[in-house]
Amino acid sequence: MGAGIAQITAQAGYRTLLYDVNVDMLQKAQTGLEKTWQALVAKGKLTQEQAAKSAANVNYTTQANDLVCDLVIEAIVEKLPIKQEFFKTVAAINSSDTILATNTSSIPVTQIAAAVPQPGRFLGIHFFNPAPVMKLVEIISGAETDKAIADYCTTFIASLGKTCVQAADAPGFIVNRVARHYYVEALKILEEGVSDVQAIDTLMENSGFKMGPFRLMDLIGVDTNFSVTSSMYNLFHQDGKFRPSRIQQQKVDAGHHGRKTGKGFYTYEK
């Protein structure tokens, strides 16, 4: 997700710094971005010059102290303490003018911002996967978010060619709250033995959805999807309609996280 966001900002002409604690993941992201830009050239969607400029706009680092920026967009694991610790680190090395944004899918922005100095400059900028393809971005204001910051970020994200919707802070915001049942109900159908993965996906795709729920979970990451569902289940005080699936839990326990691991509800060549 972070690499996808970096691709968008770099192509729009912004200097971009892509950070990961794992050097192998960072190298994978760099290789992936370079392949993506060459593929776009081959398809006639970018010129070679545009691809070269986009690549030149991105620097890569594993050092948190390098993250001195005008805008920080975090896209790390969906765990509140880890996100808060990251933002404490970033806030300590940046000025109070730096805008801090989370790409969280489900954790309330206000909860994350509680650990951040000057929470008025903190908000959610929620892209959808795959970020370079999906047009919609949710701009989420926490309880302390300065409206001028939310408006500025809406204008900035629109400059990337995205469609922005501003929303108040609530579990799952708008899209994930509505879409959660696309996954949850499909998993219930599977649990109850009504149909199998392939048939459910085929039915939904032939009903007009671009991807069936299981193919989409594999693309997003089965672990990420499960984490978001679990978070929303707890944030809505164990409301049964958000109950996480035992089948999905088993996939996560087995390390079958989808495309990124080569196996999820389907098997992929790595």
C-alpha atoms as a PDB file:
ATOM      1  CA  MET A   1       0.000   0.000   0.000  1.00  0.00           C
ATOM      2  CA  GLY A   2       2.820   2.390   0.853  1.00  0.00           C
ATOM      3  CA  ALA A   3       4.537   1.702  -2.453  1.00  0.00           C
ATOM      4  CA  GLY A   4       1.296   2.369  -4.301  1.00  0.00           C
ATOM      5  CA  ILE A   5       0.869   5.726  -2.569  1.00  0.00           C
ATOM      6  CA  ALA A   6       4.510   6.573  -3.341  1.00  0.00           C
ATOM      7  CA  GLN A   7       3.882   5.754  -7.006  1.00  0.00           C
ATOM      8  CA  ILE A   8       0.980   8.198  -7.154  1.00  0.00           C
ATOM      9  CA  THR A   9       2.781  11.092  -5.485  1.00  0.00           C
ATOM     10  CA  ALA A  10       5.950  10.575  -7.526  1.00  0.00           C
ATOM     11  CA  GLN A  11       4.040  10.485 -10.806  1.00  0.00           C
ATOM     12  CA  ALA A  12       2.309  13.726  -9.801  1.00  0.00           C
ATOM     13  CA  GLY A  13       5.730  15.370  -9.497  1.00  0.00           C
ATOM     14  CA  TYR A  14       6.154  15.394  -5.714  1.00  0.00           C
ATOM     15  CA  ARG A  15       9.432  14.465  -4.028  1.00  0.00           C
ATOM     16  CA  THR A  16       8.668  11.269  -2.152  1.00  0.00           C
ATOM     17  CA  LEU A  17      10.472   9.336   0.566  1.00  0.00           C
ATOM     18  CA  LEU A  18       9.457   5.683   0.964  1.00  0.00           C
ATOM     19  CA  TYR A  19      10.277   4.194   4.363  1.00  0.00           C
ATOM     20  CA  ASP A  20      10.221   0.634   5.675  1.00  0.00           C
ATOM     21  CA  VAL A  21      11.992  -0.963   8.635  1.00  0.00           C
ATOM     22  CA  ASN A  22      12.615  -4.070   6.528  1.00  0.00           C
ATOM     23  CA  VAL A  23      15.334  -3.560   3.910  1.00  0.00           C
ATOM     24  CA  ASP A  24      14.106  -6.556   1.876  1.00  0.00           C
ATOM     25  CA  MET A  25      10.593  -5.116   1.680  1.00  0.00           C
ATOM     26  CA  LEU A  26      12.008  -1.749   0.681  1.00  0.00           C
ATOM     27  CA  GLN A  27      14.066  -3.339  -2.089  1.00  0.00           C
ATOM     28  CA  LYS A  28      10.994  -5.252  -3.235  1.00  0.00           C
ATOM     29  CA  ALA A  29       9.023  -1.996  -3.333  1.00  0.00           C
ATOM     30  CA  GLN A  30      11.728  -0.271  -5.394  1.00  0.00           C
ATOM     31  CA  THR A  31      11.932  -3.156  -7.866  1.00  0.00           C
ATOM     32  CA  GLY A  32       8.142  -3.254  -8.100  1.00  0.00           C
ATOM     33  CA  LEU A  33       7.846   0.472  -8.770  1.00  0.00           C
ATOM     34  CA  GLU A  34      10.495   0.381 -11.468  1.00  0.00           C
ATOM     35  CA  LYS A  35       8.731  -2.543 -13.178  1.00  0.00           C
ATOM     36  CA  THR A  36       5.390  -0.764 -12.897  1.00  0.00           C
ATOM     37  CA  TRP A  37       6.680   2.392 -14.561  1.00  0.00           C
ATOM     38  CA  GLN A  38       8.219   0.414 -17.403  1.00  0.00           C
ATOM     39  CA  ALA A  39       4.954  -1.481 -17.847  1.00  0.00           C
ATOM     40  CA  LEU A  40       3.095   1.838 -18.057  1.00  0.00           C
ATOM     41  CA  VAL A  41       5.566   2.989 -20.719  1.00  0.00           C
ATOM     42  CA  ALA A  42       4.973  -0.221 -22.680  1.00  0.00           C
ATOM     43  CA  LYS A  43       1.216   0.377 -22.530  1.00  0.00           C
ATOM     44  CA  GLY A  44       1.602   3.958 -23.696  1.00  0.00           C
ATOM     45  CA  LYS A  45       0.306   5.416 -20.431  1.00  0.00           C
ATOM     46  CA  LEU A  46       3.612   7.113 -19.587  1.00  0.00           C
ATOM     47  CA  THR A  47       6.483   8.328 -21.725  1.00  0.00           C
ATOM     48  CA  GLN A  48       9.981   7.098 -20.940  1.00  0.00           C
ATOM     49  CA  GLU A  49      10.810  10.613 -19.740  1.00  0.00           C
ATOM     50  CA  GLN A  50       7.801  10.641 -17.374  1.00  0.00           C
ATOM     51  CA  ALA A  51       8.779   7.238 -16.006  1.00  0.00           C
ATOM     52  CA  ALA A  52      12.354   8.408 -15.407  1.00  0.00           C
ATOM     53  CA  LYS A  53      11.164  11.576 -13.654  1.00  0.00           C
ATOM     54  CA  SER A  54       8.779   9.545 -11.472  1.00  0.00           C
ATOM     55  CA  ALA A  55      11.575   7.172 -10.451  1.00  0.00           C
ATOM     56  CA  ALA A  56      13.866  10.113  -9.699  1.00  0.00           C
ATOM     57  CA  ASN A  57      11.229  11.608  -7.396  1.00  0.00           C
ATOM     58  CA  VAL A  58      11.447   8.633  -5.003  1.00  0.00           C
ATOM     59  CA  ASN A  59      14.132   8.036  -2.400  1.00  0.00           C
ATOM     60  CA  TYR A  60      14.172   4.968  -0.152  1.00  0.00           C
ATOM     61  CA  THR A  61      15.202   4.659   3.485  1.00  0.00           C
ATOM     62  CA  THR A  62      15.138   2.320   6.472  1.00  0.00           C
ATOM     63  CA  GLN A  63      16.109   5.155   8.834  1.00  0.00           C
ATOM     64  CA  ALA A  64      13.267   6.820  10.727  1.00  0.00           C
ATOM     65  CA  ASN A  65      15.442   9.908  11.305  1.00  0.00           C
ATOM     66  CA  ASP A  66      15.298  10.588   7.552  1.00  0.00           C
ATOM     67  CA  LEU A  67      11.555  11.203   7.701  1.00  0.00           C
ATOM     68  CA  VAL A  68      11.606  14.983   7.742  1.00  0.00           C
ATOM     69  CA  CYS A  69       8.720  15.905   5.455  1.00  0.00           C
ATOM     70  CA  ASP A  70       5.885  18.345   4.823  1.00  0.00           C
ATOM     71  CA  LEU A  71       3.368  15.488   4.884  1.00  0.00           C
ATOM     72  CA  VAL A  72       3.762  12.000   6.363  1.00  0.00           C
ATOM     73  CA  ILE A  73       1.322   9.283   5.271  1.00  0.00           C
ATOM     74  CA  GLU A  74       1.587   6.115   7.375  1.00  0.00           C
ATOM     75  CA  ALA A  75       0.479   2.770   5.909  1.00  0.00           C
ATOM     76  CA  ILE A  76       1.746   0.209   8.415  1.00  0.00           C
ATOM     77  CA  VAL A  77       0.171  -2.708  10.275  1.00  0.00           C
ATOM     78  CA  GLU A  78      -3.316  -2.140  11.753  1.00  0.00           C
ATOM     79  CA  LYS A  79      -2.213  -2.075  15.399  1.00  0.00           C
ATOM     80  CA  LEU A  80      -2.808   1.028  17.492  1.00  0.00           C
ATOM     81  CA  PRO A  81       0.361   0.921  19.674  1.00  0.00           C
ATOM     82  CA  ILE A  82       2.625   0.483  16.645  1.00  0.00           C
ATOM     83  CA  LYS A  83       1.000   3.359  14.786  1.00  0.00           C
ATOM     84  CA  GLN A  84       1.189   5.626  17.833  1.00  0.00           C
ATOM     85  CA  GLU A  85       4.859   4.797  18.393  1.00  0.00           C
ATOM     86  CA  PHE A  86       5.622   5.584  14.754  1.00  0.00           C
ATOM     87  CA  PHE A  87       3.932   8.977  14.962  1.00  0.00           C
ATOM     88  CA  LYS A  88       5.681   9.836  18.233  1.00  0.00           C
ATOM     89  CA  THR A  89       9.006   9.202  16.465  1.00  0.00           C
ATOM     90  CA  VAL A  90       8.066  11.238  13.405  1.00  0.00           C
ATOM     91  CA  ALA A  91       6.630  14.126  15.434  1.00  0.00           C
ATOM     92  CA  ALA A  92       9.853  14.381  17.431  1.00  0.00           C
ATOM     93  CA  ILE A  93      12.012  15.015  14.346  1.00  0.00           C
ATOM     94  CA  ASN A  94       9.623  17.308  12.440  1.00  0.00           C
ATOM     95  CA  SER A  95       8.329  20.808  13.015  1.00  0.00           C
ATOM     96  CA  SER A  96       4.809  21.457  14.284  1.00  0.00           C
ATOM     97  CA  ASP A  97       3.875  22.438  10.705  1.00  0.00           C
ATOM     98  CA  THR A  98       4.330  18.889   9.395  1.00  0.00           C
ATOM     99  CA  ILE A  99       0.990  17.264   8.588  1.00  0.00           C
ATOM    100  CA  LEU A 100       0.640  13.734   9.947  1.00  0.00           C
ATOM    101  CA  ALA A 101      -1.776  11.347   8.271  1.00  0.00           C
ATOM    102  CA  THR A 102      -2.759   7.723   8.750  1.00  0.00           C
ATOM    103  CA  ASN A 103      -3.993   5.383   6.047  1.00  0.00           C
ATOM    104  CA  THR A 104      -5.745   3.210   8.639  1.00  0.00           C
ATOM    105  CA  SER A 105      -8.778   1.281   7.422  1.00  0.00           C
ATOM    106  CA  SER A 106     -10.556   0.968  10.746  1.00  0.00           C
ATOM    107  CA  ILE A 107      -8.784   2.417  13.801  1.00  0.00           C
ATOM    108  CA  PRO A 108     -10.370   5.731  14.837  1.00  0.00           C
ATOM    109  CA  VAL A 109      -8.158   8.652  13.837  1.00  0.00           C
ATOM    110  CA  THR A 110      -8.786  10.280  17.216  1.00  0.00           C
ATOM    111  CA  GLN A 111      -7.318   7.264  19.037  1.00  0.00           C
ATOM    112  CA  ILE A 112      -4.088   7.412  17.046  1.00  0.00           C
ATOM    113  CA  ALA A 113      -3.879  11.207  17.356  1.00  0.00           C
ATOM    114  CA  ALA A 114      -4.143  11.005  21.155  1.00  0.00           C
ATOM    115  CA  ALA A 115      -0.412  10.186  21.316  1.00  0.00           C
ATOM    116  CA  VAL A 116       0.650  12.964  18.945  1.00  0.00           C
ATOM    117  CA  PRO A 117       1.679  16.531  19.859  1.00  0.00           C
ATOM    118  CA  GLN A 118      -0.494  19.197  18.155  1.00  0.00           C
ATOM    119  CA  PRO A 119      -3.270  16.757  17.125  1.00  0.00           C
ATOM    120  CA  GLY A 120      -4.876  19.499  15.063  1.00  0.00           C
ATOM    121  CA  ARG A 121      -2.432  18.605  12.234  1.00  0.00           C
ATOM    122  CA  PHE A 122      -3.365  14.900  12.394  1.00  0.00           C
ATOM    123  CA  LEU A 123      -5.963  13.274  10.121  1.00  0.00           C
ATOM    124  CA  GLY A 124      -6.787  10.186   8.106  1.00  0.00           C
ATOM    125  CA  ILE A 125      -5.988   9.952   4.399  1.00  0.00           C
ATOM    126  CA  HIS A 126      -7.468   6.600   3.471  1.00  0.00           C
ATOM    127  CA  PHE A 127      -6.524   5.201   0.060  1.00  0.00           C
ATOM    128  CA  PHE A 128      -8.008   1.984  -1.297  1.00  0.00           C
ATOM    129  CA  ASN A 129      -6.081  -0.974  -2.645  1.00  0.00           C
ATOM    130  CA  PRO A 130      -4.572  -0.866  -5.232  1.00  0.00           C
ATOM    131  CA  ALA A 131      -3.901   2.812  -4.558  1.00  0.00           C
ATOM    132  CA  PRO A 132      -2.734   3.727  -8.099  1.00  0.00           C
ATOM    133  CA  VAL A 133      -5.961   2.333  -9.586  1.00  0.00           C
ATOM    134  CA  MET A 134      -8.685   3.153  -7.070  1.00  0.00           C
ATOM    135  CA  LYS A 135      -9.921   6.724  -7.513  1.00  0.00           C
ATOM    136  CA  LEU A 136     -11.572   7.297  -4.139  1.00  0.00           C
ATOM    137  CA  VAL A 137      -9.735   8.627  -1.076  1.00  0.00           C
ATOM    138  CA  GLU A 138     -11.431   9.297   2.266  1.00  0.00           C
ATOM    139  CA  ILE A 139     -10.228  12.355   4.201  1.00  0.00           C
ATOM    140  CA  ILE A 140     -11.018  11.666   7.867  1.00  0.00           C
ATOM    141  CA  SER A 141     -11.093  14.396  10.510  1.00  0.00           C
ATOM    142  CA  GLY A 142     -10.488  13.347  14.086  1.00  0.00           C
ATOM    143  CA  ALA A 143     -11.951  15.202  17.055  1.00  0.00           C
ATOM    144  CA  GLU A 144      -9.029  17.668  17.072  1.00  0.00           C
ATOM    145  CA  THR A 145      -8.288  17.926  13.338  1.00  0.00           C
ATOM    146  CA  ASP A 146      -8.053  21.501  12.089  1.00  0.00           C
ATOM    147  CA  LYS A 147     -10.555  21.970   9.251  1.00  0.00           C
ATOM    148  CA  ALA A 148      -8.003  23.994   7.305  1.00  0.00           C
ATOM    149  CA  ILE A 149      -5.675  20.950   7.381  1.00  0.00           C
ATOM    150  CA  ALA A 150      -8.451  18.644   6.136  1.00  0.00           C
ATOM    151  CA  ASP A 151      -9.297  21.087   3.340  1.00  0.00           C
ATOM    152  CA  TYR A 152      -5.629  21.463   2.385  1.00  0.00           C
ATOM    153  CA  CYS A 153      -5.176  17.682   2.213  1.00  0.00           C
ATOM    154  CA  THR A 154      -8.354  17.332   0.150  1.00  0.00           C
ATOM    155  CA  THR A 155      -6.885  19.762  -2.383  1.00  0.00           C
ATOM    156  CA  PHE A 156      -3.515  17.990  -2.311  1.00  0.00           C
ATOM    157  CA  ILE A 157      -5.003  14.525  -2.849  1.00  0.00           C
ATOM    158  CA  ALA A 158      -7.180  15.881  -5.668  1.00  0.00           C
ATOM    159  CA  SER A 159      -3.946  17.064  -7.338  1.00  0.00           C
ATOM    160  CA  LEU A 160      -2.969  13.377  -7.545  1.00  0.00           C
ATOM    161  CA  GLY A 161      -6.010  12.731  -9.733  1.00  0.00           C
ATOM    162  CA  LYS A 162      -8.111  11.270  -6.925  1.00  0.00           C
ATOM    163  CA  THR A 163     -11.712  11.852  -5.890  1.00  0.00           C
ATOM    164  CA  CYS A 164     -11.922  12.912  -2.244  1.00  0.00           C
ATOM    165  CA  VAL A 165     -14.712  12.502   0.264  1.00  0.00           C
ATOM    166  CA  GLN A 166     -14.471  14.126   3.690  1.00  0.00           C
ATOM    167  CA  ALA A 167     -15.862  12.114   6.593  1.00  0.00           C
ATOM    168  CA  ALA A 168     -16.072  12.307  10.351  1.00  0.00           C
ATOM    169  CA  ASP A 169     -14.147   9.853  12.517  1.00  0.00           C
ATOM    170  CA  ALA A 170     -16.015   6.571  13.037  1.00  0.00           C
ATOM    171  CA  PRO A 171     -15.030   2.870  12.915  1.00  0.00           C
ATOM    172  CA  GLY A 172     -14.502   1.867   9.295  1.00  0.00           C
ATOM    173  CA  PHE A 173     -15.351   5.418   8.189  1.00  0.00           C
ATOM    174  CA  ILE A 174     -17.752   5.177   5.196  1.00  0.00           C
ATOM    175  CA  VAL A 175     -16.487   2.659   2.658  1.00  0.00           C
ATOM    176  CA  ASN A 176     -15.117  -0.035   4.966  1.00  0.00           C
ATOM    177  CA  ARG A 177     -18.206   0.109   7.162  1.00  0.00           C
ATOM    178  CA  VAL A 178     -20.463  -0.501   4.169  1.00  0.00           C
ATOM    179  CA  ALA A 179     -18.132  -2.898   2.331  1.00  0.00           C
ATOM    180  CA  ARG A 180     -17.240  -5.008   5.378  1.00  0.00           C
ATOM    181  CA  HIS A 181     -20.283  -7.189   4.754  1.00  0.00           C
ATOM    182  CA  TYR A 182     -19.076  -8.042   1.262  1.00  0.00           C
ATOM    183  CA  TYR A 183     -16.358 -10.067   2.993  1.00  0.00           C
ATOM    184  CA  VAL A 184     -18.145 -11.069   6.194  1.00  0.00           C
ATOM    185  CA  GLU A 185     -21.246 -12.477   4.473  1.00  0.00           C
ATOM    186  CA  ALA A 186     -19.180 -14.277   1.837  1.00  0.00           C
ATOM    187  CA  LEU A 187     -17.185 -15.937   4.625  1.00  0.00           C
ATOM    188  CA  LYS A 188     -20.404 -16.901   6.423  1.00  0.00           C
ATOM    189  CA  ILE A 189     -21.690 -18.533   3.228  1.00  0.00           C
ATOM    190  CA  LEU A 190     -18.417 -20.471   3.018  1.00  0.00           C
ATOM    191  CA  GLU A 191     -18.541 -21.446   6.717  1.00  0.00           C
ATOM    192  CA  GLU A 192     -22.111 -22.735   6.342  1.00  0.00           C
ATOM    193  CA  GLY A 193     -21.204 -24.845   3.302  1.00  0.00           C
ATOM    194  CA  VAL A 194     -23.674 -23.063   1.045  1.00  0.00           C
ATOM    195  CA  SER A 195     -21.080 -22.731  -1.724  1.00  0.00           C
ATOM    196  CA  ASP A 196     -17.333 -22.708  -2.333  1.00  0.00           C
ATOM    197  CA  VAL A 197     -14.796 -19.926  -2.859  1.00  0.00           C
ATOM    198  CA  GLN A 198     -14.697 -20.164  -6.655  1.00  0.00           C
ATOM    199  CA  ALA A 199     -18.472 -20.238  -7.053  1.00  0.00           C
ATOM    200  CA  ILE A 200     -19.043 -17.285  -4.707  1.00  0.00           C
ATOM    201  CA  ASP A 201     -16.428 -15.196  -6.528  1.00  0.00           C
ATOM    202  CA  THR A 202     -17.825 -16.146  -9.945  1.00  0.00           C
ATOM    203  CA  LEU A 203     -21.347 -15.234  -8.876  1.00  0.00           C
ATOM    204  CA  MET A 204     -20.345 -11.827  -7.535  1.00  0.00           C
ATOM    205  CA  GLU A 205     -18.169 -11.029 -10.545  1.00  0.00           C
ATOM    206  CA  ASN A 206     -21.017 -11.940 -12.887  1.00  0.00           C
ATOM    207  CA  SER A 207     -23.307  -9.726 -10.808  1.00  0.00           C
ATOM    208  CA  GLY A 208     -21.187  -6.693 -11.686  1.00  0.00           C
ATOM    209  CA  PHE A 209     -18.415  -6.651  -9.064  1.00  0.00           C
ATOM    210  CA  LYS A 210     -14.943  -6.323 -10.564  1.00  0.00           C
ATOM    211  CA  MET A 211     -13.529  -8.867  -8.102  1.00  0.00           C
ATOM    212  CA  GLY A 212     -15.183 -11.495  -5.963  1.00  0.00           C
ATOM    213  CA  PRO A 213     -14.751 -11.200  -2.177  1.00  0.00           C
ATOM    214  CA  PHE A 214     -12.129 -13.947  -1.868  1.00  0.00           C
ATOM    215  CA  ARG A 215     -10.007 -12.709  -4.770  1.00  0.00           C
ATOM    216  CA  LEU A 216     -10.228  -9.226  -3.270  1.00  0.00           C
ATOM    217  CA  MET A 217      -9.208 -10.427   0.207  1.00  0.00           C
ATOM    218  CA  ASP A 218      -6.185 -12.131  -1.347  1.00  0.00           C
ATOM    219  CA  LEU A 219      -5.256  -8.880  -3.104  1.00  0.00           C
ATOM    220  CA  ILE A 220      -5.691  -6.711   0.004  1.00  0.00           C
ATOM    221  CA  GLY A 221      -4.042  -9.289   2.259  1.00  0.00           C
ATOM    222  CA  VAL A 222      -6.042 -11.865   4.203  1.00  0.00           C
ATOM    223  CA  ASP A 223      -4.249 -10.794   7.382  1.00  0.00           C
ATOM    224  CA  THR A 224      -4.978  -7.111   6.798  1.00  0.00           C
ATOM    225  CA  ASN A 225      -8.612  -7.809   5.990  1.00  0.00           C
ATOM    226  CA  PHE A 226      -8.989  -9.960   9.107  1.00  0.00           C
ATOM    227  CA  SER A 227      -7.346  -7.289  11.251  1.00  0.00           C
ATOM    228  CA  VAL A 228      -9.759  -4.637   9.968  1.00  0.00           C
ATOM    229  CA  THR A 229     -12.781  -6.858  10.596  1.00  0.00           C
ATOM    230  CA  SER A 230     -11.545  -7.704  14.111  1.00  0.00           C
ATOM    231  CA  SER A 231     -10.970  -4.037  14.857  1.00  0.00           C
ATOM    232  CA  MET A 232     -14.435  -3.039  13.697  1.00  0.00           C
ATOM    233  CA  TYR A 233     -16.033  -5.928  15.610  1.00  0.00           C
ATOM    234  CA  ASN A 234     -14.487  -4.642  18.841  1.00  0.00           C
ATOM    235  CA  LEU A 235     -15.091  -0.967  18.095  1.00  0.00           C
ATOM    236  CA  PHE A 236     -18.775  -1.730  17.542  1.00  0.00           C
ATOM    237  CA  HIS A 237     -18.882  -3.585  20.898  1.00  0.00           C
ATOM    238  CA  GLN A 238     -18.954  -7.111  19.405  1.00  0.00           C
ATOM    239  CA  ASP A 239     -21.918  -6.439  17.140  1.00  0.00           C
ATOM    240  CA  GLY A 240     -22.563  -9.827  15.515  1.00  0.00           C
ATOM    241  CA  LYS A 241     -22.812  -8.413  12.001  1.00  0.00           C
ATOM    242  CA  PHE A 242     -19.052  -7.702  12.119  1.00  0.00           C
ATOM    243  CA  ARG A 243     -18.017 -11.061  13.627  1.00  0.00           C
ATOM    244  CA  PRO A 244     -14.635 -12.204  12.247  1.00  0.00           C
ATOM    245  CA  SER A 245     -14.573 -15.539  10.454  1.00  0.00           C
ATOM    246  CA  ARG A 246     -12.955 -18.657  11.905  1.00  0.00           C
ATOM    247  CA  ILE A 247     -11.916 -19.643   8.373  1.00  0.00           C
ATOM    248  CA  GLN A 248     -10.138 -16.346   7.881  1.00  0.00           C
ATOM    249  CA  GLN A 249      -8.485 -16.677  11.302  1.00  0.00           C
ATOM    250  CA  GLN A 250      -7.150 -20.089  10.260  1.00  0.00           C
ATOM    251  CA  LYS A 251      -5.724 -18.641   7.040  1.00  0.00           C
ATOM    252  CA  VAL A 252      -3.925 -15.950   9.033  1.00  0.00           C
ATOM    253  CA  ASP A 253      -2.586 -18.498  11.543  1.00  0.00           C
ATOM    254  CA  ALA A 254      -1.245 -20.605   8.674  1.00  0.00           C
ATOM    255  CA  GLY A 255       0.487 -17.632   7.058  1.00  0.00           C
ATOM    256  CA  HIS A 256      -1.785 -17.806   4.008  1.00  0.00           C
ATOM    257  CA  HIS A 257      -2.040 -14.041   3.572  1.00  0.00           C
ATOM    258  CA  GLY A 258      -2.922 -13.941  -0.110  1.00  0.00           C
ATOM    259  CA  ARG A 259      -0.941 -12.741  -3.098  1.00  0.00           C
ATOM    260  CA  LYS A 260       1.934 -11.388  -1.021  1.00  0.00           C
ATOM    261  CA  THR A 261       2.710 -14.855   0.418  1.00  0.00           C
ATOM    262  CA  GLY A 262       1.750 -16.866  -2.671  1.00  0.00           C
ATOM    263  CA  LYS A 263      -1.220 -18.507  -1.000  1.00  0.00           C
ATOM    264  CA  GLY A 264      -4.529 -17.337   0.435  1.00  0.00           C
ATOM    265  CA  PHE A 265      -7.934 -18.496  -0.703  1.00  0.00           C
ATOM    266  CA  TYR A 266      -6.153 -19.155  -4.010  1.00  0.00           C
ATOM    267  CA  THR A 267      -2.564 -20.157  -4.838  1.00  0.00           C
ATOM    268  CA  TYR A 268      -0.274 -17.804  -6.760  1.00  0.00           C
ATOM    269  CA  GLU A 269       3.118 -18.044  -8.413  1.00  0.00           C
ATOM    270  CA  LYS A 270       5.610 -15.964  -6.392  1.00  0.00           C
END
